[in-house]
Amino acid sequence: MIAFTRLLVVVLVLLTLCYGIVNLYLYFRWRSQLKREWLGQERQGRHDEFLRRGLRRCRRRWRPVLIGLIYVLPITALTLLVYIINFM
């Protein structure tokens, strides 16, 4: 059980690193897309306010998906794999 706990800690650290990288990549991608949208439509108002609202909307929509794909799915698969190998 100690070995599984150590493995889980290492996996969580690596998954957190992956989450940070994917989150940064998506942030810059959404930001450039919002800048293009701002320039293409010539909107009225403040540019930084438009970016802030758009990024908040994107983060709100994608955060549960990222957490599910990056944390929940791999940990569930790892736990299931360890259970099948050891107890079946």
N, C-alpha and C. Protein backbone atom coordinates (compact mmCIF):
# COMPACT_ATOMS: atom_id res chain seq x y z
N MET A 1 0.82 -1.20 0.00
CA MET A 1 0.00 0.00 0.00
C MET A 1 0.86 1.26 0.00
N ILE A 2 2.01 1.20 0.65
CA ILE A 2 2.92 2.34 0.67
C ILE A 2 3.43 2.63 -0.75
N ALA A 3 3.73 1.59 -1.48
CA ALA A 3 4.23 1.76 -2.85
C ALA A 3 3.16 2.41 -3.73
N PHE A 4 1.92 2.00 -3.56
CA PHE A 4 0.84 2.59 -4.34
C PHE A 4 0.66 4.06 -3.99
N THR A 5 0.80 4.39 -2.72
CA THR A 5 0.68 5.80 -2.29
C THR A 5 1.80 6.64 -2.88
N ARG A 6 3.02 6.11 -2.86
CA ARG A 6 4.14 6.84 -3.47
C ARG A 6 3.92 7.03 -4.96
N LEU A 7 3.45 5.99 -5.63
CA LEU A 7 3.15 6.09 -7.05
C LEU A 7 2.08 7.14 -7.31
N LEU A 8 1.06 7.15 -6.48
CA LEU A 8 -0.02 8.11 -6.64
C LEU A 8 0.46 9.55 -6.46
N VAL A 9 1.36 9.76 -5.49
CA VAL A 9 1.91 11.11 -5.27
C VAL A 9 2.72 11.56 -6.49
N VAL A 10 3.56 10.70 -7.02
CA VAL A 10 4.36 11.04 -8.20
C VAL A 10 3.44 11.32 -9.39
N VAL A 11 2.43 10.49 -9.57
CA VAL A 11 1.50 10.68 -10.68
C VAL A 11 0.75 12.00 -10.52
N LEU A 12 0.33 12.33 -9.31
CA LEU A 12 -0.36 13.61 -9.08
C LEU A 12 0.52 14.81 -9.40
N VAL A 13 1.79 14.73 -9.03
CA VAL A 13 2.72 15.82 -9.35
C VAL A 13 2.86 15.96 -10.87
N LEU A 14 3.03 14.84 -11.56
CA LEU A 14 3.16 14.89 -13.02
C LEU A 14 1.87 15.37 -13.69
N LEU A 15 0.73 14.95 -13.18
CA LEU A 15 -0.53 15.41 -13.75
C LEU A 15 -0.75 16.90 -13.50
N THR A 16 -0.31 17.39 -12.34
CA THR A 16 -0.41 18.82 -12.07
C THR A 16 0.46 19.62 -13.03
N LEU A 17 1.64 19.11 -13.32
CA LEU A 17 2.51 19.74 -14.31
C LEU A 17 1.85 19.76 -15.68
N CYS A 18 1.25 18.64 -16.07
CA CYS A 18 0.54 18.57 -17.36
C CYS A 18 -0.63 19.53 -17.39
N TYR A 19 -1.39 19.62 -16.28
CA TYR A 19 -2.52 20.53 -16.20
C TYR A 19 -2.07 21.98 -16.38
N GLY A 20 -0.96 22.33 -15.73
CA GLY A 20 -0.45 23.69 -15.86
C GLY A 20 -0.02 24.01 -17.29
N ILE A 21 0.64 23.08 -17.95
CA ILE A 21 1.08 23.30 -19.32
C ILE A 21 -0.11 23.43 -20.27
N VAL A 22 -1.07 22.54 -20.13
CA VAL A 22 -2.26 22.59 -21.00
C VAL A 22 -3.05 23.86 -20.72
N ASN A 23 -3.17 24.24 -19.47
CA ASN A 23 -3.90 25.45 -19.11
C ASN A 23 -3.23 26.69 -19.70
N LEU A 24 -1.91 26.77 -19.62
CA LEU A 24 -1.19 27.90 -20.22
C LEU A 24 -1.36 27.94 -21.74
N TYR A 25 -1.23 26.78 -22.37
CA TYR A 25 -1.40 26.70 -23.82
C TYR A 25 -2.78 27.19 -24.23
N LEU A 26 -3.81 26.72 -23.54
CA LEU A 26 -5.18 27.12 -23.88
C LEU A 26 -5.41 28.60 -23.59
N TYR A 27 -4.81 29.12 -22.52
CA TYR A 27 -4.94 30.54 -22.20
C TYR A 27 -4.41 31.40 -23.35
N PHE A 28 -3.22 31.09 -23.82
CA PHE A 28 -2.64 31.89 -24.91
C PHE A 28 -3.41 31.70 -26.21
N ARG A 29 -3.93 30.51 -26.44
CA ARG A 29 -4.73 30.26 -27.64
C ARG A 29 -6.04 31.05 -27.59
N TRP A 30 -6.73 31.01 -26.45
CA TRP A 30 -7.98 31.76 -26.31
C TRP A 30 -7.73 33.25 -26.41
N ARG A 31 -6.63 33.71 -25.82
CA ARG A 31 -6.33 35.14 -25.85
C ARG A 31 -6.09 35.63 -27.28
N SER A 32 -5.33 34.88 -28.05
CA SER A 32 -5.08 35.29 -29.43
C SER A 32 -6.37 35.23 -30.26
N GLN A 33 -7.20 34.25 -29.98
CA GLN A 33 -8.48 34.15 -30.69
C GLN A 33 -9.39 35.34 -30.34
N LEU A 34 -9.40 35.72 -29.08
CA LEU A 34 -10.21 36.88 -28.68
C LEU A 34 -9.66 38.18 -29.26
N LYS A 35 -8.33 38.29 -29.35
CA LYS A 35 -7.75 39.49 -29.97
C LYS A 35 -8.14 39.60 -31.44
N ARG A 36 -8.10 38.45 -32.15
CA ARG A 36 -8.52 38.45 -33.55
C ARG A 36 -9.99 38.82 -33.69
N GLU A 37 -10.80 38.31 -32.78
CA GLU A 37 -12.23 38.64 -32.81
C GLU A 37 -12.45 40.13 -32.56
N TRP A 38 -11.69 40.70 -31.63
CA TRP A 38 -11.81 42.12 -31.32
C TRP A 38 -11.43 42.98 -32.53
N LEU A 39 -10.33 42.61 -33.18
CA LEU A 39 -9.88 43.38 -34.35
C LEU A 39 -10.80 43.19 -35.55
N GLY A 40 -11.36 42.02 -35.71
CA GLY A 40 -12.21 41.73 -36.85
C GLY A 40 -13.57 42.38 -36.78
N GLN A 41 -14.10 42.56 -35.59
CA GLN A 41 -15.45 43.10 -35.46
C GLN A 41 -15.48 44.56 -35.05
N GLU A 42 -14.35 45.12 -34.71
CA GLU A 42 -14.24 46.51 -34.28
C GLU A 42 -15.30 46.84 -33.23
N ARG A 43 -15.19 46.19 -32.13
CA ARG A 43 -16.16 46.36 -31.05
C ARG A 43 -15.95 47.68 -30.33
N GLN A 44 -17.00 48.13 -29.69
CA GLN A 44 -16.94 49.32 -28.86
C GLN A 44 -16.64 48.91 -27.42
N GLY A 45 -15.96 49.74 -26.68
CA GLY A 45 -15.66 49.44 -25.29
C GLY A 45 -14.17 49.24 -25.08
N ARG A 46 -13.86 48.72 -23.92
CA ARG A 46 -12.46 48.53 -23.55
C ARG A 46 -11.97 47.16 -23.98
N HIS A 47 -10.80 47.16 -24.56
CA HIS A 47 -10.19 45.93 -25.07
C HIS A 47 -9.86 44.97 -23.94
N ASP A 48 -9.28 45.47 -22.85
CA ASP A 48 -8.89 44.59 -21.75
C ASP A 48 -10.11 44.00 -21.04
N GLU A 49 -11.20 44.74 -20.97
CA GLU A 49 -12.42 44.22 -20.37
C GLU A 49 -13.01 43.10 -21.22
N PHE A 50 -12.96 43.28 -22.54
CA PHE A 50 -13.45 42.25 -23.45
C PHE A 50 -12.63 40.96 -23.31
N LEU A 51 -11.29 41.11 -23.23
CA LEU A 51 -10.42 39.95 -23.06
C LEU A 51 -10.67 39.26 -21.72
N ARG A 52 -10.82 40.04 -20.67
CA ARG A 52 -11.03 39.47 -19.35
C ARG A 52 -12.32 38.66 -19.29
N ARG A 53 -13.40 39.21 -19.83
CA ARG A 53 -14.68 38.49 -19.83
C ARG A 53 -14.62 37.24 -20.70
N GLY A 54 -14.00 37.36 -21.86
CA GLY A 54 -13.89 36.21 -22.75
C GLY A 54 -13.06 35.09 -22.15
N LEU A 55 -11.94 35.44 -21.51
CA LEU A 55 -11.09 34.43 -20.88
C LEU A 55 -11.79 33.79 -19.69
N ARG A 56 -12.54 34.57 -18.94
CA ARG A 56 -13.28 34.01 -17.82
C ARG A 56 -14.34 33.02 -18.31
N ARG A 57 -15.01 33.36 -19.40
CA ARG A 57 -16.02 32.47 -19.98
C ARG A 57 -15.38 31.16 -20.47
N CYS A 58 -14.23 31.26 -21.12
CA CYS A 58 -13.54 30.06 -21.61
C CYS A 58 -13.05 29.19 -20.46
N ARG A 59 -12.48 29.81 -19.44
CA ARG A 59 -11.99 29.04 -18.30
C ARG A 59 -13.13 28.33 -17.59
N ARG A 60 -14.24 29.02 -17.42
CA ARG A 60 -15.39 28.42 -16.74
C ARG A 60 -15.91 27.21 -17.49
N ARG A 61 -15.89 27.31 -18.81
CA ARG A 61 -16.41 26.22 -19.63
C ARG A 61 -15.45 25.03 -19.67
N TRP A 62 -14.15 25.29 -19.73
CA TRP A 62 -13.18 24.21 -19.95
C TRP A 62 -12.55 23.65 -18.69
N ARG A 63 -12.64 24.34 -17.57
CA ARG A 63 -11.99 23.85 -16.34
C ARG A 63 -12.49 22.47 -15.92
N PRO A 64 -13.81 22.21 -15.86
CA PRO A 64 -14.25 20.86 -15.48
C PRO A 64 -13.81 19.79 -16.47
N VAL A 65 -13.77 20.13 -17.74
CA VAL A 65 -13.34 19.16 -18.76
C VAL A 65 -11.86 18.83 -18.57
N LEU A 66 -11.04 19.84 -18.35
CA LEU A 66 -9.61 19.60 -18.14
C LEU A 66 -9.35 18.78 -16.88
N ILE A 67 -10.04 19.12 -15.82
CA ILE A 67 -9.84 18.37 -14.57
C ILE A 67 -10.25 16.93 -14.77
N GLY A 68 -11.35 16.71 -15.47
CA GLY A 68 -11.80 15.34 -15.73
C GLY A 68 -10.83 14.57 -16.59
N LEU A 69 -10.33 15.19 -17.65
CA LEU A 69 -9.44 14.49 -18.57
C LEU A 69 -8.03 14.32 -18.02
N ILE A 70 -7.56 15.30 -17.25
CA ILE A 70 -6.17 15.24 -16.81
C ILE A 70 -6.02 14.58 -15.44
N TYR A 71 -6.99 14.73 -14.56
CA TYR A 71 -6.86 14.12 -13.22
C TYR A 71 -7.72 12.87 -13.06
N VAL A 72 -9.00 12.99 -13.28
CA VAL A 72 -9.93 11.92 -12.92
C VAL A 72 -9.73 10.68 -13.79
N LEU A 73 -9.67 10.86 -15.08
CA LEU A 73 -9.54 9.72 -15.99
C LEU A 73 -8.26 8.91 -15.77
N PRO A 74 -7.07 9.52 -15.73
CA PRO A 74 -5.85 8.72 -15.51
C PRO A 74 -5.79 8.07 -14.12
N ILE A 75 -6.22 8.78 -13.09
CA ILE A 75 -6.17 8.19 -11.75
C ILE A 75 -7.14 7.03 -11.64
N THR A 76 -8.32 7.16 -12.24
CA THR A 76 -9.28 6.06 -12.24
C THR A 76 -8.72 4.86 -13.00
N ALA A 77 -8.12 5.11 -14.15
CA ALA A 77 -7.54 4.02 -14.93
C ALA A 77 -6.39 3.35 -14.17
N LEU A 78 -5.54 4.14 -13.54
CA LEU A 78 -4.43 3.58 -12.77
C LEU A 78 -4.93 2.75 -11.59
N THR A 79 -5.90 3.26 -10.88
CA THR A 79 -6.45 2.54 -9.75
C THR A 79 -7.11 1.23 -10.19
N LEU A 80 -7.86 1.30 -11.27
CA LEU A 80 -8.49 0.09 -11.81
C LEU A 80 -7.45 -0.93 -12.26
N LEU A 81 -6.40 -0.45 -12.91
CA LEU A 81 -5.34 -1.34 -13.36
C LEU A 81 -4.63 -2.03 -12.19
N VAL A 82 -4.32 -1.27 -11.15
CA VAL A 82 -3.66 -1.85 -9.98
C VAL A 82 -4.60 -2.85 -9.30
N TYR A 83 -5.87 -2.55 -9.22
CA TYR A 83 -6.82 -3.47 -8.61
C TYR A 83 -6.93 -4.78 -9.41
N ILE A 84 -7.03 -4.64 -10.72
CA ILE A 84 -7.15 -5.84 -11.57
C ILE A 84 -5.89 -6.70 -11.48
N ILE A 85 -4.73 -6.08 -11.51
CA ILE A 85 -3.47 -6.83 -11.46
C ILE A 85 -3.30 -7.53 -10.11
N ASN A 86 -3.64 -6.86 -9.04
CA ASN A 86 -3.38 -7.42 -7.71
C ASN A 86 -4.47 -8.33 -7.16
N PHE A 87 -5.72 -8.09 -7.52
CA PHE A 87 -6.79 -8.79 -6.84
C PHE A 87 -7.65 -9.67 -7.76
N MET A 88 -7.33 -9.78 -9.01
CA MET A 88 -8.13 -10.64 -9.89
C MET A 88 -7.29 -11.72 -10.51
